[in-house]
Amino acid sequence: MKEKVKILDQECIGRVIMRIAHEIIERNKGGAGLCVIGIRNRGVYIAQRIAACIKQIEGMDVATGALDITLYRDDLALATGQPLVRKTEIDFDINDKNLILVDDVLYTGRTIRAALDALIDFGRPKSIQLAVLVDRGHRELPIRADFVGKNIPTSKKESVEVYLNESDGSDEVLIAEKE
């Protein structure tokens, strides 16, 4: 990959996550009954940041969890080798809760479809709302985010790369062109 352009830096990512938290609170009339679940890997870190912002705004803790969707993917049969299955950590009841499902980049929608299938195995939430840091378009399934940090129109020849302090040592979002 060849770096093309930096779309978000650390300061912008912080503002975007705070805005998403405000929008979630506004739409749900507060933080009561909310649970924030991130899709492994970077979605988990974004979910934790959103929950921290909600706590800062509302003064209340919001349950957070981590969801691994590996075994729910529709391309699992196409993968070569053994898939890397990581731990799902949802140690709270999701029944009748408003779940905020969080991912870093929304692209084709297939990851979100797999996540919805996985979540339903844990119970019957009141609602599932989708929050993403970046929506890059090119949907293959009828899936739309409820909360979007930044819409970034891209070509299929480009990739959106999200780097977060927790996993990568820095916060930034880049568009890279495939070589």
C-alpha atoms as a PDB file:
ATOM      1  CA  MET A   1       0.000   0.000   0.000  1.00  0.00           C
ATOM      2  CA  LYS A   2       1.120   3.484  -0.784  1.00  0.00           C
ATOM      3  CA  GLU A   3       0.008   6.256   1.589  1.00  0.00           C
ATOM      4  CA  LYS A   4      -2.311   8.652  -0.158  1.00  0.00           C
ATOM      5  CA  VAL A   5      -3.739  11.049   2.417  1.00  0.00           C
ATOM      6  CA  LYS A   6      -4.355  11.381   6.148  1.00  0.00           C
ATOM      7  CA  ILE A   7      -8.075  11.876   6.726  1.00  0.00           C
ATOM      8  CA  LEU A   8      -8.206  12.039  10.540  1.00  0.00           C
ATOM      9  CA  ASP A   9      -5.520  12.736  13.129  1.00  0.00           C
ATOM     10  CA  GLN A  10      -5.629  12.097  16.883  1.00  0.00           C
ATOM     11  CA  GLU A  11      -7.453  15.326  17.682  1.00  0.00           C
ATOM     12  CA  CYS A  12     -10.093  14.748  14.973  1.00  0.00           C
ATOM     13  CA  ILE A  13     -10.683  11.161  16.093  1.00  0.00           C
ATOM     14  CA  GLY A  14     -11.273  12.381  19.658  1.00  0.00           C
ATOM     15  CA  ARG A  15     -13.806  14.974  18.470  1.00  0.00           C
ATOM     16  CA  VAL A  16     -15.562  12.462  16.219  1.00  0.00           C
ATOM     17  CA  ILE A  17     -15.929   9.918  19.028  1.00  0.00           C
ATOM     18  CA  MET A  18     -17.267  12.584  21.406  1.00  0.00           C
ATOM     19  CA  ARG A  19     -19.799  13.678  18.760  1.00  0.00           C
ATOM     20  CA  ILE A  20     -20.922  10.067  18.226  1.00  0.00           C
ATOM     21  CA  ALA A  21     -21.380   9.699  22.008  1.00  0.00           C
ATOM     22  CA  HIS A  22     -23.541  12.857  22.098  1.00  0.00           C
ATOM     23  CA  GLU A  23     -25.631  11.588  19.175  1.00  0.00           C
ATOM     24  CA  ILE A  24     -26.128   8.207  20.875  1.00  0.00           C
ATOM     25  CA  ILE A  25     -27.275   9.893  24.092  1.00  0.00           C
ATOM     26  CA  GLU A  26     -29.617  12.219  22.207  1.00  0.00           C
ATOM     27  CA  ARG A  27     -31.189   9.431  20.161  1.00  0.00           C
ATOM     28  CA  ASN A  28     -31.624   7.156  23.203  1.00  0.00           C
ATOM     29  CA  LYS A  29     -32.755   9.929  25.571  1.00  0.00           C
ATOM     30  CA  GLY A  30     -29.836   9.357  27.925  1.00  0.00           C
ATOM     31  CA  GLY A  31     -27.514   6.504  28.766  1.00  0.00           C
ATOM     32  CA  ALA A  32     -29.905   4.246  30.688  1.00  0.00           C
ATOM     33  CA  GLY A  33     -30.332   0.824  29.128  1.00  0.00           C
ATOM     34  CA  LEU A  34     -27.392   1.271  26.755  1.00  0.00           C
ATOM     35  CA  CYS A  35     -24.686  -1.307  26.108  1.00  0.00           C
ATOM     36  CA  VAL A  36     -21.747  -0.685  23.770  1.00  0.00           C
ATOM     37  CA  ILE A  37     -20.225  -3.677  21.976  1.00  0.00           C
ATOM     38  CA  GLY A  38     -17.201  -3.416  19.723  1.00  0.00           C
ATOM     39  CA  ILE A  39     -16.309  -5.773  16.898  1.00  0.00           C
ATOM     40  CA  ARG A  40     -12.791  -7.149  17.374  1.00  0.00           C
ATOM     41  CA  ASN A  41     -10.263  -5.616  17.087  1.00  0.00           C
ATOM     42  CA  ARG A  42     -10.375  -1.873  16.597  1.00  0.00           C
ATOM     43  CA  GLY A  43     -14.135  -1.660  17.101  1.00  0.00           C
ATOM     44  CA  VAL A  44     -13.563  -2.719  20.715  1.00  0.00           C
ATOM     45  CA  TYR A  45     -11.238   0.222  21.375  1.00  0.00           C
ATOM     46  CA  ILE A  46     -13.630   2.669  19.730  1.00  0.00           C
ATOM     47  CA  ALA A  47     -16.511   1.204  21.781  1.00  0.00           C
ATOM     48  CA  GLN A  48     -14.523   1.702  24.997  1.00  0.00           C
ATOM     49  CA  ARG A  49     -13.830   5.316  24.038  1.00  0.00           C
ATOM     50  CA  ILE A  50     -17.501   5.933  23.260  1.00  0.00           C
ATOM     51  CA  ALA A  51     -18.509   4.421  26.624  1.00  0.00           C
ATOM     52  CA  ALA A  52     -15.958   6.654  28.388  1.00  0.00           C
ATOM     53  CA  CYS A  53     -17.430   9.712  26.636  1.00  0.00           C
ATOM     54  CA  ILE A  54     -20.955   8.687  27.640  1.00  0.00           C
ATOM     55  CA  LYS A  55     -19.769   8.359  31.246  1.00  0.00           C
ATOM     56  CA  GLN A  56     -18.169  11.800  31.040  1.00  0.00           C
ATOM     57  CA  ILE A  57     -21.379  13.342  29.655  1.00  0.00           C
ATOM     58  CA  GLU A  58     -24.023  11.426  31.601  1.00  0.00           C
ATOM     59  CA  GLY A  59     -22.074  10.500  34.734  1.00  0.00           C
ATOM     60  CA  MET A  60     -22.988   6.824  34.416  1.00  0.00           C
ATOM     61  CA  ASP A  61     -21.146   3.665  33.471  1.00  0.00           C
ATOM     62  CA  VAL A  62     -22.257   1.911  30.305  1.00  0.00           C
ATOM     63  CA  ALA A  63     -21.678  -1.824  29.904  1.00  0.00           C
ATOM     64  CA  THR A  64     -19.106  -2.564  27.201  1.00  0.00           C
ATOM     65  CA  GLY A  65     -18.232  -5.771  25.458  1.00  0.00           C
ATOM     66  CA  ALA A  66     -16.141  -7.296  22.699  1.00  0.00           C
ATOM     67  CA  LEU A  67     -17.535  -9.420  19.875  1.00  0.00           C
ATOM     68  CA  ASP A  68     -15.569 -11.861  17.743  1.00  0.00           C
ATOM     69  CA  ILE A  69     -17.371 -12.642  14.471  1.00  0.00           C
ATOM     70  CA  THR A  70     -14.856 -15.044  12.926  1.00  0.00           C
ATOM     71  CA  LEU A  71     -17.138 -18.090  12.893  1.00  0.00           C
ATOM     72  CA  TYR A  72     -20.086 -16.049  11.563  1.00  0.00           C
ATOM     73  CA  ARG A  73     -18.319 -14.738   8.449  1.00  0.00           C
ATOM     74  CA  ASP A  74     -19.761 -15.761   5.078  1.00  0.00           C
ATOM     75  CA  ASP A  75     -16.267 -16.084   3.583  1.00  0.00           C
ATOM     76  CA  LEU A  76     -14.979 -18.555   6.183  1.00  0.00           C
ATOM     77  CA  ALA A  77     -15.125 -21.462   3.713  1.00  0.00           C
ATOM     78  CA  LEU A  78     -12.935 -19.477   1.295  1.00  0.00           C
ATOM     79  CA  ALA A  79     -10.194 -18.885   3.874  1.00  0.00           C
ATOM     80  CA  THR A  80      -7.062 -20.953   3.691  1.00  0.00           C
ATOM     81  CA  GLY A  81      -5.683 -22.337   6.919  1.00  0.00           C
ATOM     82  CA  GLN A  82      -7.151 -22.270  10.395  1.00  0.00           C
ATOM     83  CA  PRO A  83      -9.145 -19.119  11.251  1.00  0.00           C
ATOM     84  CA  LEU A  84      -7.985 -17.096  14.261  1.00  0.00           C
ATOM     85  CA  VAL A  85     -10.878 -17.140  16.717  1.00  0.00           C
ATOM     86  CA  ARG A  86     -10.613 -14.578  19.479  1.00  0.00           C
ATOM     87  CA  LYS A  87     -12.625 -14.208  22.652  1.00  0.00           C
ATOM     88  CA  THR A  88     -16.078 -12.681  22.743  1.00  0.00           C
ATOM     89  CA  GLU A  89     -16.550 -10.827  26.015  1.00  0.00           C
ATOM     90  CA  ILE A  90     -20.171  -9.965  26.719  1.00  0.00           C
ATOM     91  CA  ASP A  91     -20.597 -10.552  30.450  1.00  0.00           C
ATOM     92  CA  PHE A  92     -23.950  -8.802  30.781  1.00  0.00           C
ATOM     93  CA  ASP A  93     -27.518  -9.505  29.733  1.00  0.00           C
ATOM     94  CA  ILE A  94     -28.365  -7.939  26.367  1.00  0.00           C
ATOM     95  CA  ASN A  95     -32.077  -8.772  26.510  1.00  0.00           C
ATOM     96  CA  ASP A  96     -34.278  -5.669  26.197  1.00  0.00           C
ATOM     97  CA  LYS A  97     -31.223  -3.369  26.020  1.00  0.00           C
ATOM     98  CA  ASN A  98     -30.331  -0.794  23.392  1.00  0.00           C
ATOM     99  CA  LEU A  99     -27.092  -2.116  21.926  1.00  0.00           C
ATOM    100  CA  ILE A 100     -24.624   0.113  20.162  1.00  0.00           C
ATOM    101  CA  LEU A 101     -22.587  -2.087  17.822  1.00  0.00           C
ATOM    102  CA  VAL A 102     -19.261  -0.418  16.979  1.00  0.00           C
ATOM    103  CA  ASP A 103     -16.793  -0.999  14.150  1.00  0.00           C
ATOM    104  CA  ASP A 104     -13.953   1.034  12.709  1.00  0.00           C
ATOM    105  CA  VAL A 105     -14.812   0.972   8.973  1.00  0.00           C
ATOM    106  CA  LEU A 106     -18.121   0.198   7.252  1.00  0.00           C
ATOM    107  CA  TYR A 107     -17.496  -1.116   3.741  1.00  0.00           C
ATOM    108  CA  THR A 108     -19.513  -3.929   2.133  1.00  0.00           C
ATOM    109  CA  GLY A 109     -21.692  -4.573   5.192  1.00  0.00           C
ATOM    110  CA  ARG A 110     -20.694  -8.234   5.472  1.00  0.00           C
ATOM    111  CA  THR A 111     -18.863  -7.780   8.775  1.00  0.00           C
ATOM    112  CA  ILE A 112     -21.942  -6.123  10.275  1.00  0.00           C
ATOM    113  CA  ARG A 113     -24.210  -8.909   8.995  1.00  0.00           C
ATOM    114  CA  ALA A 114     -21.960 -11.452  10.728  1.00  0.00           C
ATOM    115  CA  ALA A 115     -21.981  -9.351  13.922  1.00  0.00           C
ATOM    116  CA  LEU A 116     -25.782  -9.168  13.931  1.00  0.00           C
ATOM    117  CA  ASP A 117     -25.979 -12.956  13.618  1.00  0.00           C
ATOM    118  CA  ALA A 118     -23.514 -13.357  16.484  1.00  0.00           C
ATOM    119  CA  LEU A 119     -25.351 -10.883  18.747  1.00  0.00           C
ATOM    120  CA  ILE A 120     -28.699 -12.611  18.299  1.00  0.00           C
ATOM    121  CA  ASP A 121     -27.116 -15.781  19.727  1.00  0.00           C
ATOM    122  CA  PHE A 122     -26.682 -13.856  23.017  1.00  0.00           C
ATOM    123  CA  GLY A 123     -30.291 -12.751  23.388  1.00  0.00           C
ATOM    124  CA  ARG A 124     -32.990 -10.420  22.122  1.00  0.00           C
ATOM    125  CA  PRO A 125     -31.999  -6.776  22.492  1.00  0.00           C
ATOM    126  CA  LYS A 126     -34.572  -3.987  22.353  1.00  0.00           C
ATOM    127  CA  SER A 127     -32.589  -2.428  19.488  1.00  0.00           C
ATOM    128  CA  ILE A 128     -29.237  -2.672  17.760  1.00  0.00           C
ATOM    129  CA  GLN A 129     -27.779   0.587  16.486  1.00  0.00           C
ATOM    130  CA  LEU A 130     -24.596   0.787  14.437  1.00  0.00           C
ATOM    131  CA  ALA A 131     -21.775   3.280  15.084  1.00  0.00           C
ATOM    132  CA  VAL A 132     -18.723   3.431  12.812  1.00  0.00           C
ATOM    133  CA  LEU A 133     -15.697   5.666  12.772  1.00  0.00           C
ATOM    134  CA  VAL A 134     -15.579   5.687   8.944  1.00  0.00           C
ATOM    135  CA  ASP A 135     -18.168   4.852   6.271  1.00  0.00           C
ATOM    136  CA  ARG A 136     -16.400   4.352   2.943  1.00  0.00           C
ATOM    137  CA  GLY A 137     -19.363   3.227   0.834  1.00  0.00           C
ATOM    138  CA  HIS A 138     -19.507   0.278  -1.598  1.00  0.00           C
ATOM    139  CA  ARG A 139     -22.241  -1.628   0.237  1.00  0.00           C
ATOM    140  CA  GLU A 140     -23.077  -5.160  -0.899  1.00  0.00           C
ATOM    141  CA  LEU A 141     -25.825  -5.629   1.700  1.00  0.00           C
ATOM    142  CA  PRO A 142     -28.628  -3.271   2.785  1.00  0.00           C
ATOM    143  CA  ILE A 143     -26.862  -2.057   5.926  1.00  0.00           C
ATOM    144  CA  ARG A 144     -26.587   1.561   7.062  1.00  0.00           C
ATOM    145  CA  ALA A 145     -24.863   3.055  10.100  1.00  0.00           C
ATOM    146  CA  ASP A 146     -26.910   5.050  12.601  1.00  0.00           C
ATOM    147  CA  PHE A 147     -23.863   7.011  13.776  1.00  0.00           C
ATOM    148  CA  VAL A 148     -20.977   7.855  11.434  1.00  0.00           C
ATOM    149  CA  GLY A 149     -17.795   9.622  12.397  1.00  0.00           C
ATOM    150  CA  LYS A 150     -16.799  10.507   8.849  1.00  0.00           C
ATOM    151  CA  ASN A 151     -18.089   9.577   5.403  1.00  0.00           C
ATOM    152  CA  ILE A 152     -15.137   9.032   3.100  1.00  0.00           C
ATOM    153  CA  PRO A 153     -15.971   8.310  -0.545  1.00  0.00           C
ATOM    154  CA  THR A 154     -13.373   5.865  -1.847  1.00  0.00           C
ATOM    155  CA  SER A 155     -12.678   3.808  -4.914  1.00  0.00           C
ATOM    156  CA  LYS A 156     -12.390   0.047  -4.703  1.00  0.00           C
ATOM    157  CA  LYS A 157      -8.702   0.509  -5.523  1.00  0.00           C
ATOM    158  CA  GLU A 158      -8.201   2.280  -2.208  1.00  0.00           C
ATOM    159  CA  SER A 159      -8.211   1.051   1.353  1.00  0.00           C
ATOM    160  CA  VAL A 160      -9.049   2.871   4.558  1.00  0.00           C
ATOM    161  CA  GLU A 161      -6.514   2.190   7.286  1.00  0.00           C
ATOM    162  CA  VAL A 162      -7.426   2.957  10.895  1.00  0.00           C
ATOM    163  CA  TYR A 163      -4.660   3.152  13.478  1.00  0.00           C
ATOM    164  CA  LEU A 164      -5.448   3.471  17.188  1.00  0.00           C
ATOM    165  CA  ASN A 165      -3.138   4.033  20.155  1.00  0.00           C
ATOM    166  CA  GLU A 166      -4.328   0.865  21.902  1.00  0.00           C
ATOM    167  CA  SER A 167      -3.234  -1.429  19.070  1.00  0.00           C
ATOM    168  CA  ASP A 168      -0.939   0.606  16.821  1.00  0.00           C
ATOM    169  CA  GLY A 169       0.688   3.285  18.961  1.00  0.00           C
ATOM    170  CA  SER A 170      -0.960   6.242  17.202  1.00  0.00           C
ATOM    171  CA  ASP A 171      -4.398   7.568  16.281  1.00  0.00           C
ATOM    172  CA  GLU A 172      -4.969   8.292  12.594  1.00  0.00           C
ATOM    173  CA  VAL A 173      -7.051   7.312   9.592  1.00  0.00           C
ATOM    174  CA  LEU A 174      -5.408   7.094   6.181  1.00  0.00           C
ATOM    175  CA  ILE A 175      -6.590   6.378   2.659  1.00  0.00           C
ATOM    176  CA  ALA A 176      -4.037   4.229   0.902  1.00  0.00           C
ATOM    177  CA  GLU A 177      -3.955   3.281  -2.757  1.00  0.00           C
ATOM    178  CA  LYS A 178      -3.371  -0.377  -3.552  1.00  0.00           C
ATOM    179  CA  GLU A 179      -0.217  -0.858  -5.589  1.00  0.00           C
END
